[in-house]
Amino acid sequence: MSSKLTLGQFLKLALLLDSGAEAKDAVTSGAVSVNDEVDTRRGRGLVDGDVVEIGGRAARVSRATDGERPDGGRDAADDPGSGRVAR
């Protein structure tokens, strides 16, 4: 059984916004699009491959399967000199 990932959660997880309050404001004001369509539902469920955009920045939903991370288990902490986060 997979858990539902919502638009509001993804905006924070993808580092597109800093807080839940910012996510709520952005979504309800119509500033966020999913797959090139504005969506004002913060609780909208996202699926693998959806593209979320706000203010010219975008991130694609990618879910790991069977407990594996799609990036092989690496994150910014694994490469502290990179100064960037994979999107």
PDB file of N, CA and C in Angstrom:
ATOM      1  N   MET A   1       0.850  -1.180   0.000  1.00  0.00           N
ATOM      2  CA  MET A   1       0.000   0.000   0.000  1.00  0.00           C
ATOM      3  C   MET A   1       0.890   1.235   0.000  1.00  0.00           C
ATOM      4  N   SER A   2       0.653   2.157  -0.935  1.00  0.00           N
ATOM      5  CA  SER A   2       1.479   3.353  -1.007  1.00  0.00           C
ATOM      6  C   SER A   2       0.754   4.519  -0.350  1.00  0.00           C
ATOM      7  N   SER A   3       1.528   5.427   0.217  1.00  0.00           N
ATOM      8  CA  SER A   3       0.928   6.593   0.845  1.00  0.00           C
ATOM      9  C   SER A   3       0.733   7.679  -0.205  1.00  0.00           C
ATOM     10  N   LYS A   4      -0.256   8.505   0.024  1.00  0.00           N
ATOM     11  CA  LYS A   4      -0.596   9.576  -0.900  1.00  0.00           C
ATOM     12  C   LYS A   4       0.341  10.764  -0.680  1.00  0.00           C
ATOM     13  N   LEU A   5       0.906  11.263  -1.752  1.00  0.00           N
ATOM     14  CA  LEU A   5       1.736  12.461  -1.703  1.00  0.00           C
ATOM     15  C   LEU A   5       0.892  13.605  -2.238  1.00  0.00           C
ATOM     16  N   THR A   6       0.697  14.636  -1.413  1.00  0.00           N
ATOM     17  CA  THR A   6      -0.145  15.751  -1.835  1.00  0.00           C
ATOM     18  C   THR A   6       0.688  16.878  -2.427  1.00  0.00           C
ATOM     19  N   LEU A   7       0.001  17.742  -3.142  1.00  0.00           N
ATOM     20  CA  LEU A   7       0.651  18.890  -3.761  1.00  0.00           C
ATOM     21  C   LEU A   7       1.332  19.759  -2.708  1.00  0.00           C
ATOM     22  N   GLY A   8       0.649  20.030  -1.609  1.00  0.00           N
ATOM     23  CA  GLY A   8       1.239  20.842  -0.541  1.00  0.00           C
ATOM     24  C   GLY A   8       2.496  20.221   0.030  1.00  0.00           C
ATOM     25  N   GLN A   9       2.470  18.904   0.248  1.00  0.00           N
ATOM     26  CA  GLN A   9       3.652  18.206   0.771  1.00  0.00           C
ATOM     27  C   GLN A   9       4.805  18.266  -0.222  1.00  0.00           C
ATOM     28  N   PHE A  10       4.491  18.041  -1.488  1.00  0.00           N
ATOM     29  CA  PHE A  10       5.541  17.995  -2.503  1.00  0.00           C
ATOM     30  C   PHE A  10       6.230  19.346  -2.666  1.00  0.00           C
ATOM     31  N   LEU A  11       5.482  20.431  -2.578  1.00  0.00           N
ATOM     32  CA  LEU A  11       6.094  21.759  -2.704  1.00  0.00           C
ATOM     33  C   LEU A  11       7.188  21.958  -1.666  1.00  0.00           C
ATOM     34  N   LYS A  12       6.979  21.432  -0.468  1.00  0.00           N
ATOM     35  CA  LYS A  12       7.996  21.531   0.586  1.00  0.00           C
ATOM     36  C   LYS A  12       9.110  20.515   0.371  1.00  0.00           C
ATOM     37  N   LEU A  13       8.760  19.267   0.067  1.00  0.00           N
ATOM     38  CA  LEU A  13       9.764  18.216  -0.112  1.00  0.00           C
ATOM     39  C   LEU A  13      10.722  18.514  -1.264  1.00  0.00           C
ATOM     40  N   ALA A  14      10.204  19.119  -2.323  1.00  0.00           N
ATOM     41  CA  ALA A  14      11.027  19.439  -3.489  1.00  0.00           C
ATOM     42  C   ALA A  14      11.768  20.761  -3.314  1.00  0.00           C
ATOM     43  N   LEU A  15      11.610  21.368  -2.141  1.00  0.00           N
ATOM     44  CA  LEU A  15      12.254  22.641  -1.812  1.00  0.00           C
ATOM     45  C   LEU A  15      11.838  23.771  -2.748  1.00  0.00           C
ATOM     46  N   LEU A  16      10.618  23.685  -3.271  1.00  0.00           N
ATOM     47  CA  LEU A  16      10.089  24.771  -4.081  1.00  0.00           C
ATOM     48  C   LEU A  16       9.563  25.886  -3.185  1.00  0.00           C
ATOM     49  N   LEU A  17       9.138  25.533  -1.976  1.00  0.00           N
ATOM     50  CA  LEU A  17       8.696  26.496  -0.968  1.00  0.00           C
ATOM     51  C   LEU A  17       9.216  26.051   0.389  1.00  0.00           C
ATOM     52  N   ASP A  18       9.299  26.995   1.324  1.00  0.00           N
ATOM     53  CA  ASP A  18       9.903  26.705   2.621  1.00  0.00           C
ATOM     54  C   ASP A  18       8.950  26.161   3.678  1.00  0.00           C
ATOM     55  N   SER A  19       7.666  26.479   3.569  1.00  0.00           N
ATOM     56  CA  SER A  19       6.766  26.088   4.654  1.00  0.00           C
ATOM     57  C   SER A  19       5.391  25.691   4.137  1.00  0.00           C
ATOM     58  N   GLY A  20       4.643  25.054   5.016  1.00  0.00           N
ATOM     59  CA  GLY A  20       3.275  24.691   4.688  1.00  0.00           C
ATOM     60  C   GLY A  20       2.403  25.913   4.460  1.00  0.00           C
ATOM     61  N   ALA A  21       2.659  26.972   5.214  1.00  0.00           N
ATOM     62  CA  ALA A  21       1.887  28.205   5.042  1.00  0.00           C
ATOM     63  C   ALA A  21       2.132  28.806   3.661  1.00  0.00           C
ATOM     64  N   GLU A  22       3.397  28.802   3.221  1.00  0.00           N
ATOM     65  CA  GLU A  22       3.715  29.303   1.879  1.00  0.00           C
ATOM     66  C   GLU A  22       3.053  28.437   0.817  1.00  0.00           C
ATOM     67  N   ALA A  23       3.073  27.124   1.025  1.00  0.00           N
ATOM     68  CA  ALA A  23       2.456  26.204   0.067  1.00  0.00           C
ATOM     69  C   ALA A  23       0.957  26.475  -0.030  1.00  0.00           C
ATOM     70  N   LYS A  24       0.303  26.628   1.113  1.00  0.00           N
ATOM     71  CA  LYS A  24      -1.137  26.895   1.128  1.00  0.00           C
ATOM     72  C   LYS A  24      -1.457  28.178   0.371  1.00  0.00           C
ATOM     73  N   ASP A  25      -0.716  29.248   0.668  1.00  0.00           N
ATOM     74  CA  ASP A  25      -0.956  30.532   0.007  1.00  0.00           C
ATOM     75  C   ASP A  25      -0.733  30.443  -1.501  1.00  0.00           C
ATOM     76  N   ALA A  26       0.356  29.796  -1.904  1.00  0.00           N
ATOM     77  CA  ALA A  26       0.683  29.695  -3.325  1.00  0.00           C
ATOM     78  C   ALA A  26      -0.364  28.883  -4.081  1.00  0.00           C
ATOM     79  N   VAL A  27      -0.765  27.765  -3.505  1.00  0.00           N
ATOM     80  CA  VAL A  27      -1.734  26.895  -4.179  1.00  0.00           C
ATOM     81  C   VAL A  27      -3.090  27.574  -4.271  1.00  0.00           C
ATOM     82  N   THR A  28      -3.583  28.117  -3.162  1.00  0.00           N
ATOM     83  CA  THR A  28      -4.925  28.716  -3.177  1.00  0.00           C
ATOM     84  C   THR A  28      -4.995  29.978  -4.022  1.00  0.00           C
ATOM     85  N   SER A  29      -3.858  30.650  -4.239  1.00  0.00           N
ATOM     86  CA  SER A  29      -3.853  31.856  -5.072  1.00  0.00           C
ATOM     87  C   SER A  29      -3.720  31.534  -6.557  1.00  0.00           C
ATOM     88  N   GLY A  30      -3.531  30.259  -6.897  1.00  0.00           N
ATOM     89  CA  GLY A  30      -3.422  29.877  -8.303  1.00  0.00           C
ATOM     90  C   GLY A  30      -2.031  30.024  -8.881  1.00  0.00           C
ATOM     91  N   ALA A  31      -1.017  30.105  -8.026  1.00  0.00           N
ATOM     92  CA  ALA A  31       0.360  30.290  -8.492  1.00  0.00           C
ATOM     93  C   ALA A  31       1.067  28.981  -8.833  1.00  0.00           C
ATOM     94  N   VAL A  32       0.410  27.846  -8.603  1.00  0.00           N
ATOM     95  CA  VAL A  32       1.042  26.540  -8.797  1.00  0.00           C
ATOM     96  C   VAL A  32       0.333  25.789  -9.921  1.00  0.00           C
ATOM     97  N   SER A  33       1.129  25.178 -10.793  1.00  0.00           N
ATOM     98  CA  SER A  33       0.540  24.342 -11.834  1.00  0.00           C
ATOM     99  C   SER A  33       1.075  22.920 -11.729  1.00  0.00           C
ATOM    100  N   VAL A  34       0.231  21.987 -12.126  1.00  0.00           N
ATOM    101  CA  VAL A  34       0.602  20.575 -12.194  1.00  0.00           C
ATOM    102  C   VAL A  34       0.356  20.138 -13.633  1.00  0.00           C
ATOM    103  N   ASN A  35       1.421  19.676 -14.274  1.00  0.00           N
ATOM    104  CA  ASN A  35       1.327  19.250 -15.679  1.00  0.00           C
ATOM    105  C   ASN A  35       0.727  20.355 -16.548  1.00  0.00           C
ATOM    106  N   ASP A  36       1.229  21.578 -16.356  1.00  0.00           N
ATOM    107  CA  ASP A  36       0.840  22.763 -17.131  1.00  0.00           C
ATOM    108  C   ASP A  36      -0.601  23.220 -16.921  1.00  0.00           C
ATOM    109  N   GLU A  37      -1.241  22.777 -15.836  1.00  0.00           N
ATOM    110  CA  GLU A  37      -2.590  23.237 -15.514  1.00  0.00           C
ATOM    111  C   GLU A  37      -2.616  23.745 -14.077  1.00  0.00           C
ATOM    112  N   VAL A  38      -3.138  24.966 -13.878  1.00  0.00           N
ATOM    113  CA  VAL A  38      -3.240  25.526 -12.531  1.00  0.00           C
ATOM    114  C   VAL A  38      -4.129  24.623 -11.688  1.00  0.00           C
ATOM    115  N   ASP A  39      -3.681  24.360 -10.466  1.00  0.00           N
ATOM    116  CA  ASP A  39      -4.480  23.548  -9.541  1.00  0.00           C
ATOM    117  C   ASP A  39      -4.484  24.237  -8.186  1.00  0.00           C
ATOM    118  N   THR A  40      -5.661  24.491  -7.650  1.00  0.00           N
ATOM    119  CA  THR A  40      -5.790  25.200  -6.376  1.00  0.00           C
ATOM    120  C   THR A  40      -6.118  24.262  -5.224  1.00  0.00           C
ATOM    121  N   ARG A  41      -5.901  22.954  -5.423  1.00  0.00           N
ATOM    122  CA  ARG A  41      -6.186  21.965  -4.375  1.00  0.00           C
ATOM    123  C   ARG A  41      -4.884  21.527  -3.712  1.00  0.00           C
ATOM    124  N   ARG A  42      -4.637  22.021  -2.525  1.00  0.00           N
ATOM    125  CA  ARG A  42      -3.421  21.674  -1.790  1.00  0.00           C
ATOM    126  C   ARG A  42      -3.347  20.178  -1.508  1.00  0.00           C
ATOM    127  N   GLY A  43      -4.494  19.528  -1.362  1.00  0.00           N
ATOM    128  CA  GLY A  43      -4.544  18.103  -1.071  1.00  0.00           C
ATOM    129  C   GLY A  43      -4.572  17.213  -2.304  1.00  0.00           C
ATOM    130  N   ARG A  44      -4.398  17.804  -3.480  1.00  0.00           N
ATOM    131  CA  ARG A  44      -4.393  17.011  -4.711  1.00  0.00           C
ATOM    132  C   ARG A  44      -3.330  15.928  -4.618  1.00  0.00           C
ATOM    133  N   GLY A  45      -3.693  14.711  -4.940  1.00  0.00           N
ATOM    134  CA  GLY A  45      -2.734  13.615  -4.948  1.00  0.00           C
ATOM    135  C   GLY A  45      -1.866  13.669  -6.194  1.00  0.00           C
ATOM    136  N   LEU A  46      -0.582  13.468  -6.020  1.00  0.00           N
ATOM    137  CA  LEU A  46       0.355  13.460  -7.142  1.00  0.00           C
ATOM    138  C   LEU A  46       0.796  12.037  -7.435  1.00  0.00           C
ATOM    139  N   VAL A  47       1.121  11.792  -8.686  1.00  0.00           N
ATOM    140  CA  VAL A  47       1.605  10.474  -9.093  1.00  0.00           C
ATOM    141  C   VAL A  47       2.962  10.626  -9.774  1.00  0.00           C
ATOM    142  N   ASP A  48       3.657   9.506  -9.874  1.00  0.00           N
ATOM    143  CA  ASP A  48       4.965   9.484 -10.511  1.00  0.00           C
ATOM    144  C   ASP A  48       4.887  10.110 -11.904  1.00  0.00           C
ATOM    145  N   GLY A  49       5.775  11.046 -12.177  1.00  0.00           N
ATOM    146  CA  GLY A  49       5.816  11.699 -13.479  1.00  0.00           C
ATOM    147  C   GLY A  49       5.147  13.054 -13.525  1.00  0.00           C
ATOM    148  N   ASP A  50       4.304  13.388 -12.537  1.00  0.00           N
ATOM    149  CA  ASP A  50       3.689  14.712 -12.511  1.00  0.00           C
ATOM    150  C   ASP A  50       4.777  15.776 -12.414  1.00  0.00           C
ATOM    151  N   VAL A  51       4.557  16.909 -13.088  1.00  0.00           N
ATOM    152  CA  VAL A  51       5.491  18.031 -13.024  1.00  0.00           C
ATOM    153  C   VAL A  51       4.785  19.192 -12.335  1.00  0.00           C
ATOM    154  N   VAL A  52       5.386  19.667 -11.249  1.00  0.00           N
ATOM    155  CA  VAL A  52       4.832  20.763 -10.458  1.00  0.00           C
ATOM    156  C   VAL A  52       5.688  21.995 -10.707  1.00  0.00           C
ATOM    157  N   GLU A  53       5.033  23.129 -10.997  1.00  0.00           N
ATOM    158  CA  GLU A  53       5.765  24.357 -11.299  1.00  0.00           C
ATOM    159  C   GLU A  53       5.209  25.522 -10.494  1.00  0.00           C
ATOM    160  N   ILE A  54       6.128  26.367 -10.041  1.00  0.00           N
ATOM    161  CA  ILE A  54       5.768  27.610  -9.364  1.00  0.00           C
ATOM    162  C   ILE A  54       6.862  28.632  -9.640  1.00  0.00           C
ATOM    163  N   GLY A  55       6.465  29.801 -10.072  1.00  0.00           N
ATOM    164  CA  GLY A  55       7.409  30.889 -10.285  1.00  0.00           C
ATOM    165  C   GLY A  55       8.573  30.554 -11.204  1.00  0.00           C
ATOM    166  N   GLY A  56       8.330  29.786 -12.242  1.00  0.00           N
ATOM    167  CA  GLY A  56       9.388  29.439 -13.181  1.00  0.00           C
ATOM    168  C   GLY A  56      10.287  28.293 -12.735  1.00  0.00           C
ATOM    169  N   ARG A  57      10.042  27.757 -11.553  1.00  0.00           N
ATOM    170  CA  ARG A  57      10.805  26.601 -11.048  1.00  0.00           C
ATOM    171  C   ARG A  57       9.910  25.378 -11.110  1.00  0.00           C
ATOM    172  N   ALA A  58      10.485  24.247 -11.502  1.00  0.00           N
ATOM    173  CA  ALA A  58       9.686  23.038 -11.646  1.00  0.00           C
ATOM    174  C   ALA A  58      10.404  21.840 -11.055  1.00  0.00           C
ATOM    175  N   ALA A  59       9.610  20.846 -10.653  1.00  0.00           N
ATOM    176  CA  ALA A  59      10.157  19.584 -10.148  1.00  0.00           C
ATOM    177  C   ALA A  59       9.223  18.459 -10.579  1.00  0.00           C
ATOM    178  N   ARG A  60       9.812  17.315 -10.901  1.00  0.00           N
ATOM    179  CA  ARG A  60       9.044  16.141 -11.329  1.00  0.00           C
ATOM    180  C   ARG A  60       8.919  15.167 -10.161  1.00  0.00           C
ATOM    181  N   VAL A  61       7.722  14.629  -9.977  1.00  0.00           N
ATOM    182  CA  VAL A  61       7.482  13.632  -8.943  1.00  0.00           C
ATOM    183  C   VAL A  61       8.122  12.321  -9.385  1.00  0.00           C
ATOM    184  N   SER A  62       8.940  11.758  -8.503  1.00  0.00           N
ATOM    185  CA  SER A  62       9.579  10.476  -8.782  1.00  0.00           C
ATOM    186  C   SER A  62       9.585   9.678  -7.494  1.00  0.00           C
ATOM    187  N   ARG A  63       8.861   8.583  -7.484  1.00  0.00           N
ATOM    188  CA  ARG A  63       8.745   7.766  -6.281  1.00  0.00           C
ATOM    189  C   ARG A  63       9.682   6.578  -6.345  1.00  0.00           C
ATOM    190  N   ALA A  64      10.321   6.299  -5.237  1.00  0.00           N
ATOM    191  CA  ALA A  64      11.165   5.113  -5.130  1.00  0.00           C
ATOM    192  C   ALA A  64      10.266   3.883  -5.012  1.00  0.00           C
ATOM    193  N   THR A  65      10.769   2.742  -5.459  1.00  0.00           N
ATOM    194  CA  THR A  65      10.011   1.503  -5.333  1.00  0.00           C
ATOM    195  C   THR A  65      10.808   0.504  -4.520  1.00  0.00           C
ATOM    196  N   ASP A  66      10.113  -0.343  -3.819  1.00  0.00           N
ATOM    197  CA  ASP A  66      10.745  -1.400  -3.024  1.00  0.00           C
ATOM    198  C   ASP A  66      11.808  -0.870  -2.074  1.00  0.00           C
ATOM    199  N   GLY A  67      11.572   0.310  -1.512  1.00  0.00           N
ATOM    200  CA  GLY A  67      12.493   0.868  -0.534  1.00  0.00           C
ATOM    201  C   GLY A  67      13.756   1.457  -1.125  1.00  0.00           C
ATOM    202  N   GLU A  68      13.877   1.511  -2.440  1.00  0.00           N
ATOM    203  CA  GLU A  68      15.067   2.065  -3.084  1.00  0.00           C
ATOM    204  C   GLU A  68      14.834   3.518  -3.454  1.00  0.00           C
ATOM    205  N   ARG A  69      15.866   4.323  -3.319  1.00  0.00           N
ATOM    206  CA  ARG A  69      15.794   5.707  -3.758  1.00  0.00           C
ATOM    207  C   ARG A  69      16.204   5.767  -5.218  1.00  0.00           C
ATOM    208  N   PRO A  70      15.501   6.559  -6.030  1.00  0.00           N
ATOM    209  CA  PRO A  70      15.820   6.617  -7.455  1.00  0.00           C
ATOM    210  C   PRO A  70      17.206   7.181  -7.738  1.00  0.00           C
ATOM    211  N   ASP A  71      17.774   7.913  -6.777  1.00  0.00           N
ATOM    212  CA  ASP A  71      19.103   8.491  -6.981  1.00  0.00           C
ATOM    213  C   ASP A  71      20.203   7.596  -6.427  1.00  0.00           C
ATOM    214  N   GLY A  72      19.883   6.372  -6.086  1.00  0.00           N
ATOM    215  CA  GLY A  72      20.885   5.457  -5.564  1.00  0.00           C
ATOM    216  C   GLY A  72      21.225   5.697  -4.110  1.00  0.00           C
ATOM    217  N   GLY A  73      20.439   6.518  -3.420  1.00  0.00           N
ATOM    218  CA  GLY A  73      20.659   6.748  -2.000  1.00  0.00           C
ATOM    219  C   GLY A  73      21.528   7.942  -1.687  1.00  0.00           C
ATOM    220  N   ARG A  74      21.831   8.755  -2.679  1.00  0.00           N
ATOM    221  CA  ARG A  74      22.664   9.931  -2.445  1.00  0.00           C
ATOM    222  C   ARG A  74      21.783  11.159  -2.219  1.00  0.00           C
ATOM    223  N   ASP A  75      22.276  12.072  -1.415  1.00  0.00           N
ATOM    224  CA  ASP A  75      21.613  13.354  -1.268  1.00  0.00           C
ATOM    225  C   ASP A  75      22.680  14.424  -1.094  1.00  0.00           C
ATOM    226  N   ALA A  76      22.260  15.661  -0.882  1.00  0.00           N
ATOM    227  CA  ALA A  76      23.213  16.764  -0.788  1.00  0.00           C
ATOM    228  C   ALA A  76      24.225  16.544   0.325  1.00  0.00           C
ATOM    229  N   ALA A  77      23.826  15.858   1.385  1.00  0.00           N
ATOM    230  CA  ALA A  77      24.749  15.601   2.494  1.00  0.00           C
ATOM    231  C   ALA A  77      25.873  14.656   2.080  1.00  0.00           C
ATOM    232  N   ASP A  78      25.636  13.829   1.055  1.00  0.00           N
ATOM    233  CA  ASP A  78      26.667  12.916   0.571  1.00  0.00           C
ATOM    234  C   ASP A  78      27.735  13.636  -0.237  1.00  0.00           C
ATOM    235  N   ASP A  79      27.408  14.813  -0.743  1.00  0.00           N
ATOM    236  CA  ASP A  79      28.344  15.586  -1.559  1.00  0.00           C
ATOM    237  C   ASP A  79      28.302  17.037  -1.095  1.00  0.00           C
ATOM    238  N   PRO A  80      28.841  17.305   0.101  1.00  0.00           N
ATOM    239  CA  PRO A  80      28.693  18.633   0.697  1.00  0.00           C
ATOM    240  C   PRO A  80      29.294  19.756  -0.130  1.00  0.00           C
ATOM    241  N   GLY A  81      30.218  19.462  -1.008  1.00  0.00           N
ATOM    242  CA  GLY A  81      30.828  20.508  -1.823  1.00  0.00           C
ATOM    243  C   GLY A  81      29.989  20.923  -3.006  1.00  0.00           C
ATOM    244  N   SER A  82      28.935  20.174  -3.292  1.00  0.00           N
ATOM    245  CA  SER A  82      28.162  20.469  -4.497  1.00  0.00           C
ATOM    246  C   SER A  82      27.328  21.734  -4.347  1.00  0.00           C
ATOM    247  N   GLY A  83      26.820  21.988  -3.139  1.00  0.00           N
ATOM    248  CA  GLY A  83      26.008  23.179  -2.921  1.00  0.00           C
ATOM    249  C   GLY A  83      24.704  23.171  -3.698  1.00  0.00           C
ATOM    250  N   ARG A  84      24.263  22.009  -4.152  1.00  0.00           N
ATOM    251  CA  ARG A  84      23.025  21.957  -4.926  1.00  0.00           C
ATOM    252  C   ARG A  84      22.195  20.755  -4.509  1.00  0.00           C
ATOM    253  N   VAL A  85      20.925  20.843  -4.846  1.00  0.00           N
ATOM    254  CA  VAL A  85      19.998  19.760  -4.551  1.00  0.00           C
ATOM    255  C   VAL A  85      19.457  19.254  -5.882  1.00  0.00           C
ATOM    256  N   ALA A  86      19.460  17.969  -6.073  1.00  0.00           N
ATOM    257  CA  ALA A  86      18.933  17.391  -7.311  1.00  0.00           C
ATOM    258  C   ALA A  86      17.440  17.634  -7.395  1.00  0.00           C
ATOM    259  N   ARG A  87      16.975  17.990  -8.561  1.00  0.00           N
ATOM    260  CA  ARG A  87      15.545  18.221  -8.781  1.00  0.00           C
ATOM    261  C   ARG A  87      15.100  17.348  -9.916  1.00  0.00           C
TER     262      ARG A  87
END
